[in-house]
Amino acid sequence: MKLRQGALDSILKRIEDDGFTIAMQKEIILSEDQAREFYKMHENEDFFPTLLHEMTSLRAEFAIDTAPINQLHGSSTTNDAEKELEFFFPVEHTLAVIKPSALAEHKDDILNEAKDAGFILSEMQETHISPEMAAQFYKSQEGQPYYQQLVDYMSHGPSMVMILTKENAVEEWRKLMGPTDPEKAKQTAPESLRARFAKDILSNAVHGSSTADHALQSIDFFFGDIDLESLKHKYVYLK
């Protein structure tokens, strides 16, 4: 279901004029399965087939006063709002680290870049990672020729360890970081953090989890038993 652009613009303007801030917005076409799931509470109603049709229609535009159903939706309760926000804006967490040399020289720049990219800094702590912790954290790279250098570098001064929260957080943070090698980053992603703030491939400014599962493991490593669901709600209300 899609409104004419003029009608959509008028609705968005009215929302803002009435004092609301549009924190997150995206245009999507729901699949039938998605529409069935979202409106499951109405599946026994007579209007359910019409609702499904309108919510999954590929028609480009139609007048709002000729539509067979109401074209606006709003959450009924606070609990419904949380569930529906999670449905349309499924957020995730990633583990991010500002490495020692970058923390000393570019801390504020990197934090501001993260905020400007839409991340919520859900948790953050400045910590001096011990050699033992660094060795354990990078254990998957044990045996590589650079492994001991990496452990020594990560434990030679304080780092900033963070839980970043956002829709598609893992991929978005990796995109913001840029390629591991800062020389490659300068060529292929000149606005990335590593292109701008890294010194070399070892002192490459920042770390980020590679997958959602890796993120959960890394968050547990540094933050222990933390309620990640509450951080999702924190994202919803602070974004």
C-alpha atoms as a PDB file:
ATOM      1  CA  MET A   1       0.000   0.000   0.000  1.00  0.00           C
ATOM      2  CA  LYS A   2       1.527   3.272  -1.062  1.00  0.00           C
ATOM      3  CA  LEU A   3       0.255   6.810  -0.738  1.00  0.00           C
ATOM      4  CA  ARG A   4       0.684   9.421  -3.408  1.00  0.00           C
ATOM      5  CA  GLN A   5       3.843  11.408  -2.687  1.00  0.00           C
ATOM      6  CA  GLY A   6       1.883  14.575  -2.044  1.00  0.00           C
ATOM      7  CA  ALA A   7      -0.361  12.850   0.490  1.00  0.00           C
ATOM      8  CA  LEU A   8       2.628  11.250   2.165  1.00  0.00           C
ATOM      9  CA  ASP A   9       4.436  14.580   2.446  1.00  0.00           C
ATOM     10  CA  SER A  10       1.345  16.195   3.946  1.00  0.00           C
ATOM     11  CA  ILE A  11       0.997  13.436   6.542  1.00  0.00           C
ATOM     12  CA  LEU A  12       4.654  13.629   7.545  1.00  0.00           C
ATOM     13  CA  LYS A  13       4.445  17.412   7.839  1.00  0.00           C
ATOM     14  CA  ARG A  14       1.316  17.156  10.003  1.00  0.00           C
ATOM     15  CA  ILE A  15       3.078  14.674  12.288  1.00  0.00           C
ATOM     16  CA  GLU A  16       5.999  17.065  12.772  1.00  0.00           C
ATOM     17  CA  ASP A  17       3.698  20.096  13.136  1.00  0.00           C
ATOM     18  CA  ASP A  18       1.945  18.304  15.982  1.00  0.00           C
ATOM     19  CA  GLY A  19       5.228  18.073  17.887  1.00  0.00           C
ATOM     20  CA  PHE A  20       6.375  14.554  17.014  1.00  0.00           C
ATOM     21  CA  THR A  21       9.950  13.734  15.990  1.00  0.00           C
ATOM     22  CA  ILE A  22      10.296  11.102  13.277  1.00  0.00           C
ATOM     23  CA  ALA A  23      13.152   9.070  14.749  1.00  0.00           C
ATOM     24  CA  MET A  24      13.244   6.267  12.152  1.00  0.00           C
ATOM     25  CA  GLN A  25      11.639   6.017   8.737  1.00  0.00           C
ATOM     26  CA  LYS A  26      11.825   3.666   5.774  1.00  0.00           C
ATOM     27  CA  GLU A  27       9.622   2.743   2.826  1.00  0.00           C
ATOM     28  CA  ILE A  28       8.980  -0.974   2.345  1.00  0.00           C
ATOM     29  CA  ILE A  29       6.592  -3.350   0.583  1.00  0.00           C
ATOM     30  CA  LEU A  30       5.381  -6.052   2.947  1.00  0.00           C
ATOM     31  CA  SER A  31       5.233  -9.629   1.757  1.00  0.00           C
ATOM     32  CA  GLU A  32       1.975 -11.463   2.416  1.00  0.00           C
ATOM     33  CA  ASP A  33       3.683 -13.478   5.162  1.00  0.00           C
ATOM     34  CA  GLN A  34       4.934 -10.305   6.830  1.00  0.00           C
ATOM     35  CA  ALA A  35       1.499  -8.683   6.641  1.00  0.00           C
ATOM     36  CA  ARG A  36      -0.137 -11.812   8.079  1.00  0.00           C
ATOM     37  CA  GLU A  37       2.326 -11.811  10.962  1.00  0.00           C
ATOM     38  CA  PHE A  38       1.977  -8.097  11.692  1.00  0.00           C
ATOM     39  CA  TYR A  39      -1.840  -8.152  11.649  1.00  0.00           C
ATOM     40  CA  LYS A  40      -2.243 -11.611  13.161  1.00  0.00           C
ATOM     41  CA  MET A  41      -4.618 -10.276  15.823  1.00  0.00           C
ATOM     42  CA  HIS A  42      -7.127  -9.453  13.029  1.00  0.00           C
ATOM     43  CA  GLU A  43      -6.968 -12.757  11.135  1.00  0.00           C
ATOM     44  CA  ASN A  44     -10.519 -13.768  12.142  1.00  0.00           C
ATOM     45  CA  GLU A  45     -12.061 -10.439  11.135  1.00  0.00           C
ATOM     46  CA  ASP A  46     -14.149 -10.081   7.968  1.00  0.00           C
ATOM     47  CA  PHE A  47     -11.893  -7.295   6.693  1.00  0.00           C
ATOM     48  CA  PHE A  48      -8.681  -9.346   7.020  1.00  0.00           C
ATOM     49  CA  PRO A  49      -8.418 -10.367   3.316  1.00  0.00           C
ATOM     50  CA  THR A  50      -8.881  -6.739   2.258  1.00  0.00           C
ATOM     51  CA  LEU A  51      -6.313  -5.626   4.800  1.00  0.00           C
ATOM     52  CA  LEU A  52      -3.783  -8.129   3.453  1.00  0.00           C
ATOM     53  CA  HIS A  53      -4.429  -7.022  -0.120  1.00  0.00           C
ATOM     54  CA  GLU A  54      -3.994  -3.354   0.655  1.00  0.00           C
ATOM     55  CA  MET A  55      -0.872  -3.850   2.760  1.00  0.00           C
ATOM     56  CA  THR A  56       0.867  -5.914   0.062  1.00  0.00           C
ATOM     57  CA  SER A  57      -0.365  -4.077  -3.036  1.00  0.00           C
ATOM     58  CA  LEU A  58       2.169  -3.107  -5.693  1.00  0.00           C
ATOM     59  CA  ARG A  59      -0.023  -0.328  -7.065  1.00  0.00           C
ATOM     60  CA  ALA A  60       2.040   2.817  -7.249  1.00  0.00           C
ATOM     61  CA  GLU A  61      -0.531   5.282  -5.964  1.00  0.00           C
ATOM     62  CA  PHE A  62      -4.190   5.808  -5.206  1.00  0.00           C
ATOM     63  CA  ALA A  63      -6.282   8.493  -3.555  1.00  0.00           C
ATOM     64  CA  ILE A  64      -6.596   8.165   0.195  1.00  0.00           C
ATOM     65  CA  ASP A  65     -10.347   8.832   0.165  1.00  0.00           C
ATOM     66  CA  THR A  66     -11.031   5.898  -2.196  1.00  0.00           C
ATOM     67  CA  ALA A  67      -9.136   3.269  -0.235  1.00  0.00           C
ATOM     68  CA  PRO A  68     -11.324   0.494   1.238  1.00  0.00           C
ATOM     69  CA  ILE A  69      -9.432   0.593   4.543  1.00  0.00           C
ATOM     70  CA  ASN A  70      -7.794   3.177   6.750  1.00  0.00           C
ATOM     71  CA  GLN A  71      -4.339   3.924   5.348  1.00  0.00           C
ATOM     72  CA  LEU A  72      -2.770   5.000   8.623  1.00  0.00           C
ATOM     73  CA  HIS A  73      -1.738   2.736  11.463  1.00  0.00           C
ATOM     74  CA  GLY A  74      -0.763   3.563  15.026  1.00  0.00           C
ATOM     75  CA  SER A  75       0.184   1.385  17.978  1.00  0.00           C
ATOM     76  CA  SER A  76      -2.586   0.855  20.529  1.00  0.00           C
ATOM     77  CA  THR A  77      -0.416   0.545  23.647  1.00  0.00           C
ATOM     78  CA  THR A  78       3.172   1.060  24.760  1.00  0.00           C
ATOM     79  CA  ASN A  79       3.723  -2.704  24.658  1.00  0.00           C
ATOM     80  CA  ASP A  80       2.321  -2.872  21.134  1.00  0.00           C
ATOM     81  CA  ALA A  81       4.607  -0.014  20.130  1.00  0.00           C
ATOM     82  CA  GLU A  82       7.691  -1.882  21.348  1.00  0.00           C
ATOM     83  CA  LYS A  83       6.691  -5.042  19.460  1.00  0.00           C
ATOM     84  CA  GLU A  84       5.842  -3.153  16.282  1.00  0.00           C
ATOM     85  CA  LEU A  85       9.058  -1.129  16.362  1.00  0.00           C
ATOM     86  CA  GLU A  86      10.980  -4.387  16.677  1.00  0.00           C
ATOM     87  CA  PHE A  87       9.018  -5.798  13.716  1.00  0.00           C
ATOM     88  CA  PHE A  88       9.848  -2.917  11.354  1.00  0.00           C
ATOM     89  CA  PHE A  89      13.176  -1.790  12.832  1.00  0.00           C
ATOM     90  CA  PRO A  90      14.859  -4.931  14.201  1.00  0.00           C
ATOM     91  CA  VAL A  91      17.938  -3.635  15.978  1.00  0.00           C
ATOM     92  CA  GLU A  92      21.041  -5.597  16.907  1.00  0.00           C
ATOM     93  CA  HIS A  93      24.177  -5.006  18.917  1.00  0.00           C
ATOM     94  CA  THR A  94      27.820  -5.153  17.992  1.00  0.00           C
ATOM     95  CA  LEU A  95      31.019  -4.984  20.006  1.00  0.00           C
ATOM     96  CA  ALA A  96      33.289  -2.104  19.036  1.00  0.00           C
ATOM     97  CA  VAL A  97      36.719  -1.186  20.347  1.00  0.00           C
ATOM     98  CA  ILE A  98      38.686   2.023  19.914  1.00  0.00           C
ATOM     99  CA  LYS A  99      42.246   0.757  20.053  1.00  0.00           C
ATOM    100  CA  PRO A 100      44.976   2.311  22.244  1.00  0.00           C
ATOM    101  CA  SER A 101      46.690   4.666  19.781  1.00  0.00           C
ATOM    102  CA  ALA A 102      43.376   5.874  18.313  1.00  0.00           C
ATOM    103  CA  LEU A 103      41.869   6.381  21.767  1.00  0.00           C
ATOM    104  CA  ALA A 104      44.697   8.699  22.719  1.00  0.00           C
ATOM    105  CA  GLU A 105      44.444  10.804  19.570  1.00  0.00           C
ATOM    106  CA  HIS A 106      40.977  10.427  18.009  1.00  0.00           C
ATOM    107  CA  LYS A 107      38.518   9.350  20.713  1.00  0.00           C
ATOM    108  CA  ASP A 108      36.039  12.219  20.293  1.00  0.00           C
ATOM    109  CA  ASP A 109      36.187  12.095  16.492  1.00  0.00           C
ATOM    110  CA  ILE A 110      35.396   8.387  16.404  1.00  0.00           C
ATOM    111  CA  LEU A 111      32.587   8.648  18.976  1.00  0.00           C
ATOM    112  CA  ASN A 112      31.013  11.524  17.046  1.00  0.00           C
ATOM    113  CA  GLU A 113      31.248   9.576  13.784  1.00  0.00           C
ATOM    114  CA  ALA A 114      29.467   6.638  15.431  1.00  0.00           C
ATOM    115  CA  LYS A 115      26.691   8.883  16.749  1.00  0.00           C
ATOM    116  CA  ASP A 116      26.313  10.674  13.406  1.00  0.00           C
ATOM    117  CA  ALA A 117      25.963   7.273  11.701  1.00  0.00           C
ATOM    118  CA  GLY A 118      22.950   6.536  13.896  1.00  0.00           C
ATOM    119  CA  PHE A 119      24.534   4.249  16.472  1.00  0.00           C
ATOM    120  CA  ILE A 120      23.508   4.379  20.100  1.00  0.00           C
ATOM    121  CA  LEU A 121      26.466   3.957  22.440  1.00  0.00           C
ATOM    122  CA  SER A 122      24.484   1.626  24.677  1.00  0.00           C
ATOM    123  CA  GLU A 123      27.405   0.760  26.936  1.00  0.00           C
ATOM    124  CA  MET A 124      30.979   1.963  26.984  1.00  0.00           C
ATOM    125  CA  GLN A 125      33.947   1.600  29.277  1.00  0.00           C
ATOM    126  CA  GLU A 126      37.547   2.682  29.076  1.00  0.00           C
ATOM    127  CA  THR A 127      39.726  -0.209  30.136  1.00  0.00           C
ATOM    128  CA  HIS A 128      43.334  -1.329  30.014  1.00  0.00           C
ATOM    129  CA  ILE A 129      43.168  -4.751  28.386  1.00  0.00           C
ATOM    130  CA  SER A 130      45.685  -7.079  29.997  1.00  0.00           C
ATOM    131  CA  PRO A 131      48.010  -9.236  27.868  1.00  0.00           C
ATOM    132  CA  GLU A 132      46.077 -12.293  29.057  1.00  0.00           C
ATOM    133  CA  MET A 133      42.735 -10.775  28.018  1.00  0.00           C
ATOM    134  CA  ALA A 134      44.118  -9.683  24.646  1.00  0.00           C
ATOM    135  CA  ALA A 135      45.517 -13.160  24.027  1.00  0.00           C
ATOM    136  CA  GLN A 136      42.145 -14.719  24.831  1.00  0.00           C
ATOM    137  CA  PHE A 137      40.149 -12.174  22.844  1.00  0.00           C
ATOM    138  CA  TYR A 138      42.254 -12.720  19.703  1.00  0.00           C
ATOM    139  CA  LYS A 139      42.727 -16.458  20.272  1.00  0.00           C
ATOM    140  CA  SER A 140      41.215 -17.233  16.859  1.00  0.00           C
ATOM    141  CA  GLN A 141      44.284 -15.575  15.307  1.00  0.00           C
ATOM    142  CA  GLU A 142      46.798 -17.483  17.401  1.00  0.00           C
ATOM    143  CA  GLY A 143      49.466 -18.962  15.147  1.00  0.00           C
ATOM    144  CA  GLN A 144      49.457 -16.017  12.765  1.00  0.00           C
ATOM    145  CA  PRO A 145      52.863 -14.275  12.441  1.00  0.00           C
ATOM    146  CA  TYR A 146      51.411 -11.006  13.752  1.00  0.00           C
ATOM    147  CA  TYR A 147      49.602 -12.536  16.739  1.00  0.00           C
ATOM    148  CA  GLN A 148      52.076 -11.568  19.483  1.00  0.00           C
ATOM    149  CA  GLN A 149      52.452  -8.055  18.070  1.00  0.00           C
ATOM    150  CA  LEU A 150      48.668  -7.702  18.135  1.00  0.00           C
ATOM    151  CA  VAL A 151      48.471  -8.861  21.755  1.00  0.00           C
ATOM    152  CA  ASP A 152      51.288  -6.487  22.757  1.00  0.00           C
ATOM    153  CA  TYR A 153      49.681  -3.555  20.949  1.00  0.00           C
ATOM    154  CA  MET A 154      46.201  -4.112  22.403  1.00  0.00           C
ATOM    155  CA  SER A 155      47.605  -4.330  25.939  1.00  0.00           C
ATOM    156  CA  HIS A 156      50.054  -1.421  25.846  1.00  0.00           C
ATOM    157  CA  GLY A 157      47.497   1.231  26.788  1.00  0.00           C
ATOM    158  CA  PRO A 158      43.808   1.866  27.490  1.00  0.00           C
ATOM    159  CA  SER A 159      41.083   1.061  24.941  1.00  0.00           C
ATOM    160  CA  MET A 160      37.436   2.072  24.730  1.00  0.00           C
ATOM    161  CA  VAL A 161      35.138  -0.961  24.634  1.00  0.00           C
ATOM    162  CA  MET A 162      31.558  -0.280  23.489  1.00  0.00           C
ATOM    163  CA  ILE A 163      28.260  -1.942  22.752  1.00  0.00           C
ATOM    164  CA  LEU A 164      26.818  -0.190  19.711  1.00  0.00           C
ATOM    165  CA  THR A 165      23.131  -0.588  18.932  1.00  0.00           C
ATOM    166  CA  LYS A 166      21.425   0.018  15.620  1.00  0.00           C
ATOM    167  CA  GLU A 167      19.464  -1.727  12.926  1.00  0.00           C
ATOM    168  CA  ASN A 168      21.952  -4.022  11.139  1.00  0.00           C
ATOM    169  CA  ALA A 169      24.635  -2.863  13.582  1.00  0.00           C
ATOM    170  CA  VAL A 170      27.324  -5.447  12.768  1.00  0.00           C
ATOM    171  CA  GLU A 171      27.424  -4.737   9.055  1.00  0.00           C
ATOM    172  CA  GLU A 172      26.957  -0.985   9.467  1.00  0.00           C
ATOM    173  CA  TRP A 173      29.864  -0.688  11.930  1.00  0.00           C
ATOM    174  CA  ARG A 174      32.138  -2.739   9.701  1.00  0.00           C
ATOM    175  CA  LYS A 175      31.232  -0.478   6.803  1.00  0.00           C
ATOM    176  CA  LEU A 176      32.012   2.608   8.900  1.00  0.00           C
ATOM    177  CA  MET A 177      35.361   1.108  10.002  1.00  0.00           C
ATOM    178  CA  GLY A 178      36.482   0.341   6.455  1.00  0.00           C
ATOM    179  CA  PRO A 179      38.998  -2.304   5.284  1.00  0.00           C
ATOM    180  CA  THR A 180      41.501  -3.706   7.790  1.00  0.00           C
ATOM    181  CA  ASP A 181      44.453  -2.240   5.889  1.00  0.00           C
ATOM    182  CA  PRO A 182      44.271   1.568   6.109  1.00  0.00           C
ATOM    183  CA  GLU A 183      46.079   1.967   2.791  1.00  0.00           C
ATOM    184  CA  LYS A 184      43.335  -0.023   1.093  1.00  0.00           C
ATOM    185  CA  ALA A 185      40.763   1.915   3.116  1.00  0.00           C
ATOM    186  CA  LYS A 186      42.122   5.208   1.760  1.00  0.00           C
ATOM    187  CA  GLN A 187      41.613   3.932  -1.782  1.00  0.00           C
ATOM    188  CA  THR A 188      38.256   2.194  -1.461  1.00  0.00           C
ATOM    189  CA  ALA A 189      36.578   3.905   1.518  1.00  0.00           C
ATOM    190  CA  PRO A 190      38.289   7.281   2.069  1.00  0.00           C
ATOM    191  CA  GLU A 191      35.638   8.476   4.540  1.00  0.00           C
ATOM    192  CA  SER A 192      35.950   5.382   6.736  1.00  0.00           C
ATOM    193  CA  LEU A 193      37.424   5.487  10.234  1.00  0.00           C
ATOM    194  CA  ARG A 194      40.506   3.482   9.297  1.00  0.00           C
ATOM    195  CA  ALA A 195      41.216   5.615   6.258  1.00  0.00           C
ATOM    196  CA  ARG A 196      41.158   8.715   8.432  1.00  0.00           C
ATOM    197  CA  PHE A 197      42.503   7.604  11.813  1.00  0.00           C
ATOM    198  CA  ALA A 198      44.567   4.411  11.428  1.00  0.00           C
ATOM    199  CA  LYS A 199      48.364   4.452  11.420  1.00  0.00           C
ATOM    200  CA  ASP A 200      49.024   1.043   9.866  1.00  0.00           C
ATOM    201  CA  ILE A 201      47.462  -2.401   9.530  1.00  0.00           C
ATOM    202  CA  LEU A 202      48.303  -3.249  13.165  1.00  0.00           C
ATOM    203  CA  SER A 203      47.387   0.132  14.676  1.00  0.00           C
ATOM    204  CA  ASN A 204      44.230   0.337  12.586  1.00  0.00           C
ATOM    205  CA  ALA A 205      42.192   2.413  15.044  1.00  0.00           C
ATOM    206  CA  VAL A 206      39.093   0.307  15.647  1.00  0.00           C
ATOM    207  CA  HIS A 207      37.771  -3.224  16.027  1.00  0.00           C
ATOM    208  CA  GLY A 208      34.329  -4.614  15.259  1.00  0.00           C
ATOM    209  CA  SER A 209      32.604  -7.976  15.460  1.00  0.00           C
ATOM    210  CA  SER A 210      32.445  -9.955  12.225  1.00  0.00           C
ATOM    211  CA  THR A 211      29.011 -11.553  12.707  1.00  0.00           C
ATOM    212  CA  ALA A 212      26.004 -11.259  15.010  1.00  0.00           C
ATOM    213  CA  ASP A 213      27.095 -14.425  16.866  1.00  0.00           C
ATOM    214  CA  HIS A 214      30.636 -13.104  17.198  1.00  0.00           C
ATOM    215  CA  ALA A 215      29.186  -9.864  18.580  1.00  0.00           C
ATOM    216  CA  LEU A 216      27.279 -11.698  21.299  1.00  0.00           C
ATOM    217  CA  GLN A 217      30.379 -13.677  22.274  1.00  0.00           C
ATOM    218  CA  SER A 218      32.525 -10.540  22.367  1.00  0.00           C
ATOM    219  CA  ILE A 219      29.959  -8.588  24.377  1.00  0.00           C
ATOM    220  CA  ASP A 220      29.848 -11.418  26.901  1.00  0.00           C
ATOM    221  CA  PHE A 221      33.657 -11.442  27.042  1.00  0.00           C
ATOM    222  CA  PHE A 222      33.884  -7.777  28.049  1.00  0.00           C
ATOM    223  CA  PHE A 223      30.553  -7.022  29.712  1.00  0.00           C
ATOM    224  CA  GLY A 224      29.472 -10.378  31.116  1.00  0.00           C
ATOM    225  CA  ASP A 225      25.806 -11.006  31.861  1.00  0.00           C
ATOM    226  CA  ILE A 226      24.160  -7.876  30.489  1.00  0.00           C
ATOM    227  CA  ASP A 227      20.484  -7.493  29.560  1.00  0.00           C
ATOM    228  CA  LEU A 228      20.698  -6.889  25.809  1.00  0.00           C
ATOM    229  CA  GLU A 229      16.909  -6.729  25.442  1.00  0.00           C
ATOM    230  CA  SER A 230      16.808  -3.661  27.686  1.00  0.00           C
ATOM    231  CA  LEU A 231      19.438  -2.048  25.447  1.00  0.00           C
ATOM    232  CA  LYS A 232      17.127  -2.529  22.469  1.00  0.00           C
ATOM    233  CA  HIS A 233      14.454  -0.580  24.306  1.00  0.00           C
ATOM    234  CA  LYS A 234      17.046   2.035  25.190  1.00  0.00           C
ATOM    235  CA  TYR A 235      17.772   2.358  21.471  1.00  0.00           C
ATOM    236  CA  VAL A 236      14.101   2.784  20.642  1.00  0.00           C
ATOM    237  CA  TYR A 237      13.554   5.568  23.137  1.00  0.00           C
ATOM    238  CA  LEU A 238      16.849   7.451  22.698  1.00  0.00           C
ATOM    239  CA  LYS A 239      17.104   7.303  18.920  1.00  0.00           C
END
